[in-house]
N, C-alpha and C. Protein backbone atom coordinates (compact mmCIF):
# COMPACT_ATOMS: atom_id res chain seq x y z
N MET A 1 -56.73 61.22 -42.23
CA MET A 1 -57.61 61.11 -41.06
C MET A 1 -59.06 61.11 -41.53
N GLY A 2 -59.80 60.10 -41.11
CA GLY A 2 -61.20 60.04 -41.49
C GLY A 2 -62.06 60.84 -40.53
N ILE A 3 -63.36 60.72 -40.75
CA ILE A 3 -64.34 61.43 -39.92
C ILE A 3 -64.19 61.02 -38.45
N MET A 4 -64.00 59.70 -38.20
CA MET A 4 -63.90 59.20 -36.82
C MET A 4 -62.73 59.85 -36.10
N ALA A 5 -61.58 59.91 -36.78
CA ALA A 5 -60.39 60.49 -36.15
C ALA A 5 -60.63 61.97 -35.83
N ASP A 6 -61.29 62.69 -36.75
CA ASP A 6 -61.62 64.10 -36.51
C ASP A 6 -62.52 64.22 -35.28
N GLN A 7 -63.48 63.32 -35.17
CA GLN A 7 -64.41 63.36 -34.03
C GLN A 7 -63.64 63.16 -32.72
N LEU A 8 -62.67 62.24 -32.74
CA LEU A 8 -61.85 62.00 -31.55
C LEU A 8 -61.04 63.23 -31.18
N VAL A 9 -60.43 63.86 -32.19
CA VAL A 9 -59.64 65.07 -31.95
C VAL A 9 -60.54 66.14 -31.31
N ASP A 10 -61.72 66.34 -31.89
CA ASP A 10 -62.65 67.34 -31.36
C ASP A 10 -63.11 66.98 -29.95
N PHE A 11 -63.38 65.69 -29.76
CA PHE A 11 -63.84 65.21 -28.44
C PHE A 11 -62.84 65.55 -27.35
N PHE A 12 -61.56 65.19 -27.60
CA PHE A 12 -60.55 65.43 -26.57
C PHE A 12 -60.24 66.91 -26.42
N ARG A 13 -60.26 67.65 -27.53
CA ARG A 13 -60.00 69.09 -27.45
C ARG A 13 -61.07 69.76 -26.58
N ALA A 14 -62.32 69.38 -26.79
CA ALA A 14 -63.43 69.97 -26.01
C ALA A 14 -63.28 69.62 -24.53
N ARG A 15 -62.90 68.39 -24.27
CA ARG A 15 -62.75 67.97 -22.87
C ARG A 15 -61.60 68.72 -22.20
N LYS A 16 -60.52 68.90 -22.95
CA LYS A 16 -59.36 69.58 -22.37
C LYS A 16 -59.71 71.03 -22.05
N VAL A 17 -60.42 71.68 -22.96
CA VAL A 17 -60.81 73.08 -22.76
C VAL A 17 -61.75 73.21 -21.56
N GLN A 18 -62.69 72.25 -21.44
CA GLN A 18 -63.70 72.34 -20.38
C GLN A 18 -63.23 71.77 -19.05
N ALA A 19 -62.09 71.10 -19.05
CA ALA A 19 -61.62 70.49 -17.79
C ALA A 19 -61.36 71.58 -16.76
N PRO A 20 -61.87 71.37 -15.56
CA PRO A 20 -61.59 72.37 -14.52
C PRO A 20 -60.09 72.35 -14.21
N HIS A 21 -59.52 73.49 -13.98
CA HIS A 21 -58.09 73.56 -13.73
C HIS A 21 -57.77 74.16 -12.37
N PRO A 22 -58.37 73.63 -11.30
CA PRO A 22 -57.97 74.20 -10.02
C PRO A 22 -56.58 73.65 -9.69
N ALA A 23 -55.65 74.52 -9.39
CA ALA A 23 -54.34 74.03 -8.98
C ALA A 23 -54.53 73.48 -7.57
N LEU A 24 -54.49 72.17 -7.45
CA LEU A 24 -54.74 71.55 -6.15
C LEU A 24 -53.64 71.90 -5.16
N ASP A 25 -54.05 72.26 -3.97
CA ASP A 25 -53.10 72.57 -2.90
C ASP A 25 -52.81 71.25 -2.19
N TRP A 26 -51.82 70.51 -2.72
CA TRP A 26 -51.54 69.17 -2.19
C TRP A 26 -51.12 69.17 -0.72
N PRO A 27 -50.28 70.11 -0.28
CA PRO A 27 -49.93 70.12 1.16
C PRO A 27 -51.17 70.30 2.05
N ALA A 28 -52.09 71.16 1.63
CA ALA A 28 -53.31 71.37 2.42
C ALA A 28 -54.17 70.11 2.41
N LYS A 29 -54.22 69.43 1.25
CA LYS A 29 -54.97 68.19 1.13
C LYS A 29 -54.38 67.12 2.06
N ARG A 30 -53.04 67.04 2.07
CA ARG A 30 -52.36 66.08 2.95
C ARG A 30 -52.65 66.39 4.42
N ASP A 31 -52.57 67.65 4.79
CA ASP A 31 -52.79 68.03 6.20
C ASP A 31 -54.23 67.74 6.62
N ALA A 32 -55.19 68.02 5.74
CA ALA A 32 -56.60 67.74 6.04
C ALA A 32 -56.80 66.23 6.20
N TRP A 33 -56.09 65.45 5.39
CA TRP A 33 -56.19 63.99 5.42
C TRP A 33 -55.65 63.44 6.76
N ILE A 34 -54.47 63.93 7.17
CA ILE A 34 -53.88 63.47 8.44
C ILE A 34 -54.82 63.81 9.59
N GLU A 35 -55.39 65.01 9.55
CA GLU A 35 -56.34 65.44 10.58
C GLU A 35 -57.59 64.54 10.58
N ALA A 36 -58.07 64.18 9.38
CA ALA A 36 -59.26 63.32 9.26
C ALA A 36 -58.98 61.93 9.85
N VAL A 37 -57.77 61.40 9.59
CA VAL A 37 -57.41 60.08 10.11
C VAL A 37 -57.30 60.13 11.64
N GLU A 38 -56.72 61.20 12.15
CA GLU A 38 -56.62 61.34 13.62
C GLU A 38 -58.00 61.45 14.26
N SER A 39 -58.90 62.18 13.60
CA SER A 39 -60.25 62.30 14.17
C SER A 39 -61.02 60.98 14.04
N LEU A 40 -60.73 60.20 12.98
CA LEU A 40 -61.32 58.86 12.85
C LEU A 40 -60.91 58.00 14.04
N TYR A 41 -59.62 58.02 14.39
CA TYR A 41 -59.13 57.20 15.50
C TYR A 41 -59.74 57.65 16.82
N ALA A 42 -59.91 58.95 16.99
CA ALA A 42 -60.55 59.47 18.21
C ALA A 42 -61.99 58.96 18.29
N PHE A 43 -62.67 58.96 17.15
CA PHE A 43 -64.06 58.49 17.05
C PHE A 43 -64.14 56.99 17.39
N ILE A 44 -63.20 56.20 16.85
CA ILE A 44 -63.17 54.75 17.12
C ILE A 44 -62.88 54.49 18.60
N LYS A 45 -61.89 55.21 19.15
CA LYS A 45 -61.55 55.02 20.57
C LYS A 45 -62.72 55.38 21.46
N GLU A 46 -63.47 56.40 21.07
CA GLU A 46 -64.67 56.79 21.83
C GLU A 46 -65.69 55.64 21.82
N MET A 47 -65.90 55.03 20.63
CA MET A 47 -66.84 53.92 20.52
C MET A 47 -66.36 52.70 21.32
N LEU A 48 -65.04 52.53 21.44
CA LEU A 48 -64.47 51.37 22.12
C LEU A 48 -64.12 51.67 23.58
N ARG A 49 -64.52 52.84 24.07
CA ARG A 49 -64.09 53.31 25.39
C ARG A 49 -64.31 52.27 26.49
N GLY A 50 -65.51 51.66 26.52
CA GLY A 50 -65.83 50.66 27.54
C GLY A 50 -64.90 49.46 27.47
N SER A 51 -64.63 48.98 26.25
CA SER A 51 -63.78 47.80 26.06
C SER A 51 -62.32 48.12 26.37
N ILE A 52 -61.92 49.36 26.13
CA ILE A 52 -60.55 49.77 26.45
C ILE A 52 -60.41 49.87 27.98
N ALA A 53 -61.42 50.46 28.62
CA ALA A 53 -61.40 50.62 30.08
C ALA A 53 -61.35 49.27 30.79
N SER A 54 -62.10 48.28 30.26
CA SER A 54 -62.14 46.96 30.88
C SER A 54 -60.94 46.09 30.46
N LYS A 55 -60.07 46.66 29.63
CA LYS A 55 -58.87 45.97 29.14
C LYS A 55 -59.18 44.75 28.26
N ASP A 56 -60.40 44.71 27.70
CA ASP A 56 -60.73 43.64 26.75
C ASP A 56 -59.99 43.87 25.44
N ILE A 57 -59.58 45.11 25.24
CA ILE A 57 -58.92 45.48 23.99
C ILE A 57 -57.83 46.48 24.33
N THR A 58 -56.70 46.38 23.64
CA THR A 58 -55.68 47.42 23.80
C THR A 58 -55.51 48.13 22.47
N VAL A 59 -55.24 49.42 22.56
CA VAL A 59 -55.18 50.27 21.37
C VAL A 59 -53.86 51.01 21.38
N ARG A 60 -53.21 51.05 20.23
CA ARG A 60 -52.01 51.90 20.13
C ARG A 60 -51.91 52.45 18.71
N THR A 61 -51.22 53.56 18.58
CA THR A 61 -50.98 54.10 17.24
C THR A 61 -49.49 54.01 16.93
N VAL A 62 -49.22 53.74 15.66
CA VAL A 62 -47.83 53.70 15.18
C VAL A 62 -47.76 54.58 13.94
N ASP A 63 -46.64 55.27 13.78
CA ASP A 63 -46.52 56.15 12.61
C ASP A 63 -46.07 55.36 11.40
N LEU A 64 -46.77 55.59 10.29
CA LEU A 64 -46.42 54.97 9.01
C LEU A 64 -45.82 56.03 8.11
N GLU A 65 -44.93 55.61 7.25
CA GLU A 65 -44.41 56.50 6.21
C GLU A 65 -45.15 56.12 4.93
N VAL A 66 -45.84 57.10 4.33
CA VAL A 66 -46.63 56.84 3.13
C VAL A 66 -46.08 57.70 2.00
N THR A 67 -46.03 57.14 0.80
CA THR A 67 -45.63 57.93 -0.37
C THR A 67 -46.76 57.89 -1.38
N GLU A 68 -47.19 59.07 -1.80
CA GLU A 68 -48.29 59.17 -2.77
C GLU A 68 -47.91 60.07 -3.94
N ASP A 69 -48.53 59.78 -5.09
CA ASP A 69 -48.36 60.66 -6.24
C ASP A 69 -48.79 62.07 -5.86
N PHE A 70 -48.12 63.05 -6.38
CA PHE A 70 -48.42 64.48 -6.20
C PHE A 70 -48.10 65.01 -4.81
N ILE A 71 -48.10 64.15 -3.80
CA ILE A 71 -47.91 64.61 -2.42
C ILE A 71 -46.50 64.32 -1.94
N GLY A 72 -45.97 63.17 -2.36
CA GLY A 72 -44.66 62.76 -1.87
C GLY A 72 -44.79 61.94 -0.61
N SER A 73 -43.73 61.89 0.19
CA SER A 73 -43.72 61.08 1.42
C SER A 73 -44.17 61.91 2.62
N TYR A 74 -44.92 61.27 3.49
CA TYR A 74 -45.33 61.93 4.72
C TYR A 74 -45.61 60.87 5.77
N SER A 75 -45.70 61.31 7.01
CA SER A 75 -45.94 60.40 8.13
C SER A 75 -47.40 60.51 8.55
N ILE A 76 -48.03 59.36 8.81
CA ILE A 76 -49.44 59.34 9.22
C ILE A 76 -49.63 58.17 10.19
N PRO A 77 -50.47 58.33 11.21
CA PRO A 77 -50.63 57.22 12.16
C PRO A 77 -51.49 56.08 11.62
N ALA A 78 -51.13 54.87 12.04
CA ALA A 78 -51.99 53.69 11.85
C ALA A 78 -52.47 53.32 13.24
N LEU A 79 -53.66 52.75 13.34
CA LEU A 79 -54.22 52.37 14.63
C LEU A 79 -54.21 50.85 14.74
N GLU A 80 -53.75 50.34 15.87
CA GLU A 80 -53.75 48.89 16.09
C GLU A 80 -54.63 48.55 17.28
N LEU A 81 -55.54 47.60 17.07
CA LEU A 81 -56.37 47.08 18.15
C LEU A 81 -55.88 45.66 18.42
N THR A 82 -55.65 45.33 19.68
CA THR A 82 -55.25 43.97 20.02
C THR A 82 -56.30 43.38 20.96
N VAL A 83 -56.82 42.22 20.55
CA VAL A 83 -57.81 41.50 21.35
C VAL A 83 -57.24 40.10 21.54
N GLY A 84 -56.86 39.76 22.77
CA GLY A 84 -56.19 38.47 22.98
C GLY A 84 -54.91 38.46 22.17
N ASP A 85 -54.75 37.43 21.32
CA ASP A 85 -53.54 37.40 20.49
C ASP A 85 -53.84 37.79 19.05
N GLU A 86 -55.01 38.40 18.84
CA GLU A 86 -55.38 38.82 17.50
C GLU A 86 -55.25 40.33 17.36
N ARG A 87 -54.76 40.74 16.20
CA ARG A 87 -54.57 42.17 15.97
C ARG A 87 -55.32 42.65 14.74
N VAL A 88 -55.90 43.82 14.86
CA VAL A 88 -56.57 44.46 13.73
C VAL A 88 -55.89 45.81 13.52
N GLU A 89 -55.57 46.10 12.27
CA GLU A 89 -54.90 47.37 11.98
C GLU A 89 -55.77 48.24 11.09
N PHE A 90 -55.81 49.52 11.42
CA PHE A 90 -56.43 50.53 10.57
C PHE A 90 -55.28 51.21 9.84
N ARG A 91 -55.18 50.94 8.52
CA ARG A 91 -54.04 51.44 7.74
C ARG A 91 -54.50 52.48 6.73
N PRO A 92 -54.06 53.71 6.89
CA PRO A 92 -54.41 54.75 5.91
C PRO A 92 -53.75 54.43 4.56
N LYS A 93 -54.56 54.45 3.49
CA LYS A 93 -54.04 54.14 2.16
C LYS A 93 -53.76 55.41 1.36
N GLY A 94 -54.39 56.52 1.73
CA GLY A 94 -54.06 57.77 1.05
C GLY A 94 -55.24 58.55 0.52
N VAL A 95 -54.91 59.70 -0.08
CA VAL A 95 -55.94 60.62 -0.57
C VAL A 95 -56.16 60.53 -2.07
N THR A 96 -55.24 59.91 -2.79
CA THR A 96 -55.42 59.84 -4.24
C THR A 96 -56.28 58.60 -4.54
N VAL A 97 -57.57 58.74 -4.19
CA VAL A 97 -58.53 57.64 -4.28
C VAL A 97 -59.67 58.09 -5.20
N ILE A 98 -60.11 57.21 -6.09
CA ILE A 98 -61.24 57.53 -6.97
C ILE A 98 -62.52 57.57 -6.14
N GLY A 99 -63.29 58.61 -6.29
CA GLY A 99 -64.63 58.66 -5.69
C GLY A 99 -64.67 58.94 -4.20
N ALA A 100 -63.54 59.31 -3.60
CA ALA A 100 -63.53 59.63 -2.17
C ALA A 100 -62.36 60.56 -1.90
N ALA A 101 -62.36 61.17 -0.71
CA ALA A 101 -61.27 62.08 -0.36
C ALA A 101 -60.11 61.32 0.29
N GLY A 102 -60.38 60.08 0.73
CA GLY A 102 -59.33 59.27 1.35
C GLY A 102 -59.83 57.89 1.69
N ARG A 103 -58.87 57.00 2.00
CA ARG A 103 -59.23 55.61 2.26
C ARG A 103 -58.36 55.04 3.38
N VAL A 104 -59.02 54.29 4.26
CA VAL A 104 -58.32 53.56 5.32
C VAL A 104 -58.78 52.11 5.24
N ASP A 105 -57.84 51.17 5.24
CA ASP A 105 -58.21 49.75 5.25
C ASP A 105 -58.15 49.21 6.67
N ILE A 106 -59.17 48.43 7.04
CA ILE A 106 -59.18 47.72 8.32
C ILE A 106 -58.72 46.30 8.00
N VAL A 107 -57.53 45.93 8.48
CA VAL A 107 -56.92 44.67 8.10
C VAL A 107 -56.85 43.73 9.30
N GLY A 108 -57.47 42.56 9.15
CA GLY A 108 -57.42 41.54 10.19
C GLY A 108 -56.85 40.26 9.65
N ASP A 109 -56.88 39.21 10.47
CA ASP A 109 -56.32 37.93 10.04
C ASP A 109 -57.18 37.24 8.99
N ARG A 110 -58.47 37.62 8.92
CA ARG A 110 -59.36 36.94 7.99
C ARG A 110 -59.61 37.73 6.71
N ASP A 111 -59.75 39.06 6.82
CA ASP A 111 -60.22 39.83 5.67
C ASP A 111 -59.80 41.29 5.84
N THR A 112 -60.12 42.09 4.84
CA THR A 112 -59.89 43.53 4.87
C THR A 112 -61.20 44.22 4.53
N VAL A 113 -61.54 45.26 5.28
CA VAL A 113 -62.71 46.09 5.00
C VAL A 113 -62.21 47.51 4.79
N THR A 114 -62.79 48.20 3.83
CA THR A 114 -62.34 49.56 3.50
C THR A 114 -63.28 50.62 4.06
N LEU A 115 -62.66 51.64 4.65
CA LEU A 115 -63.38 52.85 5.07
C LEU A 115 -63.05 53.94 4.06
N LEU A 116 -64.07 54.72 3.68
CA LEU A 116 -63.85 55.84 2.78
C LEU A 116 -64.15 57.14 3.52
N TRP A 117 -63.32 58.13 3.28
CA TRP A 117 -63.53 59.45 3.85
C TRP A 117 -64.06 60.37 2.77
N ASN A 118 -65.18 61.00 3.06
CA ASN A 118 -65.69 62.01 2.14
C ASN A 118 -65.88 63.27 2.96
N ASN A 119 -64.98 64.22 2.80
CA ASN A 119 -65.01 65.40 3.67
C ASN A 119 -66.24 66.27 3.48
N LYS A 120 -67.09 65.96 2.49
CA LYS A 120 -68.33 66.71 2.33
C LYS A 120 -69.44 66.12 3.20
N ASP A 121 -69.20 64.91 3.72
CA ASP A 121 -70.21 64.23 4.53
C ASP A 121 -70.35 64.95 5.88
N ALA A 122 -71.58 65.23 6.24
CA ALA A 122 -71.82 66.04 7.44
C ALA A 122 -71.57 65.28 8.75
N SER A 123 -71.75 63.95 8.73
CA SER A 123 -71.53 63.19 9.98
C SER A 123 -70.04 63.07 10.25
N SER A 124 -69.54 61.89 10.57
CA SER A 124 -68.11 61.75 10.85
C SER A 124 -67.30 61.90 9.56
N GLY A 125 -67.98 61.78 8.42
CA GLY A 125 -67.27 61.84 7.15
C GLY A 125 -66.79 60.48 6.67
N TRP A 126 -66.97 59.44 7.50
CA TRP A 126 -66.45 58.12 7.17
C TRP A 126 -67.58 57.14 6.87
N THR A 127 -67.38 56.33 5.83
CA THR A 127 -68.33 55.27 5.51
C THR A 127 -67.57 53.95 5.39
N VAL A 128 -68.30 52.86 5.63
CA VAL A 128 -67.76 51.51 5.52
C VAL A 128 -68.25 50.93 4.20
N ILE A 129 -67.36 50.31 3.44
CA ILE A 129 -67.81 49.61 2.23
C ILE A 129 -68.35 48.26 2.69
N ALA A 130 -69.67 48.12 2.60
CA ALA A 130 -70.31 46.87 3.01
C ALA A 130 -70.22 45.83 1.90
N ARG A 131 -70.28 46.32 0.65
CA ARG A 131 -70.23 45.39 -0.49
C ARG A 131 -69.73 46.15 -1.71
N ARG A 132 -68.92 45.50 -2.54
CA ARG A 132 -68.43 46.12 -3.77
C ARG A 132 -69.20 45.65 -5.01
N VAL A 133 -69.66 44.40 -4.98
CA VAL A 133 -70.36 43.85 -6.14
C VAL A 133 -71.70 43.27 -5.71
N PRO A 134 -72.73 43.26 -6.55
CA PRO A 134 -72.76 43.79 -7.91
C PRO A 134 -72.70 45.33 -7.96
N GLN A 135 -73.07 46.02 -6.88
CA GLN A 135 -72.82 47.45 -6.88
C GLN A 135 -72.30 47.86 -5.52
N LEU A 136 -71.66 49.03 -5.51
CA LEU A 136 -71.05 49.52 -4.28
C LEU A 136 -72.13 49.87 -3.25
N VAL A 137 -71.99 49.29 -2.06
CA VAL A 137 -72.90 49.62 -0.96
C VAL A 137 -72.05 50.12 0.20
N THR A 138 -72.35 51.34 0.65
CA THR A 138 -71.62 51.89 1.79
C THR A 138 -72.60 52.25 2.90
N ALA A 139 -72.09 52.31 4.12
CA ALA A 139 -72.92 52.70 5.27
C ALA A 139 -72.08 53.61 6.16
N ALA A 140 -72.73 54.57 6.79
CA ALA A 140 -72.01 55.49 7.67
C ALA A 140 -71.33 54.72 8.80
N LEU A 141 -70.14 55.17 9.19
CA LEU A 141 -69.43 54.51 10.27
C LEU A 141 -70.08 54.87 11.60
N ASP A 142 -70.49 53.83 12.32
CA ASP A 142 -71.03 54.00 13.67
C ASP A 142 -70.73 52.70 14.43
N ALA A 143 -71.24 52.58 15.64
CA ALA A 143 -70.92 51.39 16.44
C ALA A 143 -71.36 50.10 15.72
N GLU A 144 -72.51 50.16 15.06
CA GLU A 144 -73.04 48.97 14.37
C GLU A 144 -72.16 48.57 13.18
N THR A 145 -71.80 49.55 12.35
CA THR A 145 -71.00 49.21 11.17
C THR A 145 -69.54 48.91 11.55
N LEU A 146 -69.06 49.50 12.65
CA LEU A 146 -67.72 49.14 13.13
C LEU A 146 -67.71 47.69 13.60
N THR A 147 -68.77 47.29 14.31
CA THR A 147 -68.89 45.90 14.76
C THR A 147 -68.91 44.95 13.55
N TYR A 148 -69.68 45.34 12.52
CA TYR A 148 -69.77 44.54 11.29
C TYR A 148 -68.38 44.40 10.66
N ALA A 149 -67.66 45.52 10.57
CA ALA A 149 -66.33 45.50 9.92
C ALA A 149 -65.36 44.63 10.72
N LEU A 150 -65.36 44.78 12.05
CA LEU A 150 -64.45 43.98 12.88
C LEU A 150 -64.79 42.50 12.80
N ASP A 151 -66.08 42.21 12.77
CA ASP A 151 -66.53 40.82 12.65
C ASP A 151 -66.07 40.20 11.33
N ARG A 152 -66.06 41.02 10.27
CA ARG A 152 -65.63 40.54 8.95
C ARG A 152 -64.13 40.27 8.89
N VAL A 153 -63.34 41.14 9.55
CA VAL A 153 -61.89 41.02 9.38
C VAL A 153 -61.23 40.08 10.37
N MET A 154 -61.90 39.84 11.51
CA MET A 154 -61.29 38.98 12.54
C MET A 154 -61.63 37.51 12.31
N LEU A 155 -60.82 36.64 12.86
CA LEU A 155 -61.05 35.22 12.71
C LEU A 155 -62.36 34.82 13.38
N PRO A 156 -63.07 33.84 12.80
CA PRO A 156 -64.32 33.42 13.42
C PRO A 156 -64.06 32.79 14.78
N LEU A 157 -65.00 32.98 15.69
CA LEU A 157 -64.86 32.34 17.01
C LEU A 157 -65.04 30.84 16.85
N PRO A 158 -64.30 30.03 17.64
CA PRO A 158 -64.42 28.57 17.51
C PRO A 158 -65.81 28.09 17.92
C-alpha cells in the first residue's frame, strides 16, 4: 500500500468515526411524513376552495401503497384534481430524498413538477422546484407557485 492508499484508509476511518450516529426513528419519520402530506392536501384544497365550490374542479384522495428503504410498506394518500377531462395527480414519492424531508410529484398530461417538504421550514414547509438546471431554484408553495406548477403540468389551452 502506497501513501495514497494510506491516505484513503485514514480519510474513511476519520469520516466513519465522525459520522453522526442518531438511530433514526423510521416509524416516527413515516408518521410525520403522512401528516405532512395530509396537511399539504388541506392547504391545496384551501387555495382551490373557490374553484371546488363552483365545481370547476373536482378533488378526491386515493390511498397509495408505498414501499421505501428502511421504512417498508405503508399507505399514504394521493390527491387527484380533475378539470374537464384532464387529471392532475399529487403523488407522494417518499421521505428517503436527498436534501429534503420528503417529495411529492405533481403529475399531469404534459409534465411533472416536484414539491419538496422541509419540515424545518416555518411556512407550509413545502417548496416548488421551479428549475433544476443550471442550478436548483425553489419557491415557497402558495397560490402563485401552485398556479405555475399546474400550468406546467397540464396540457396547453388550444
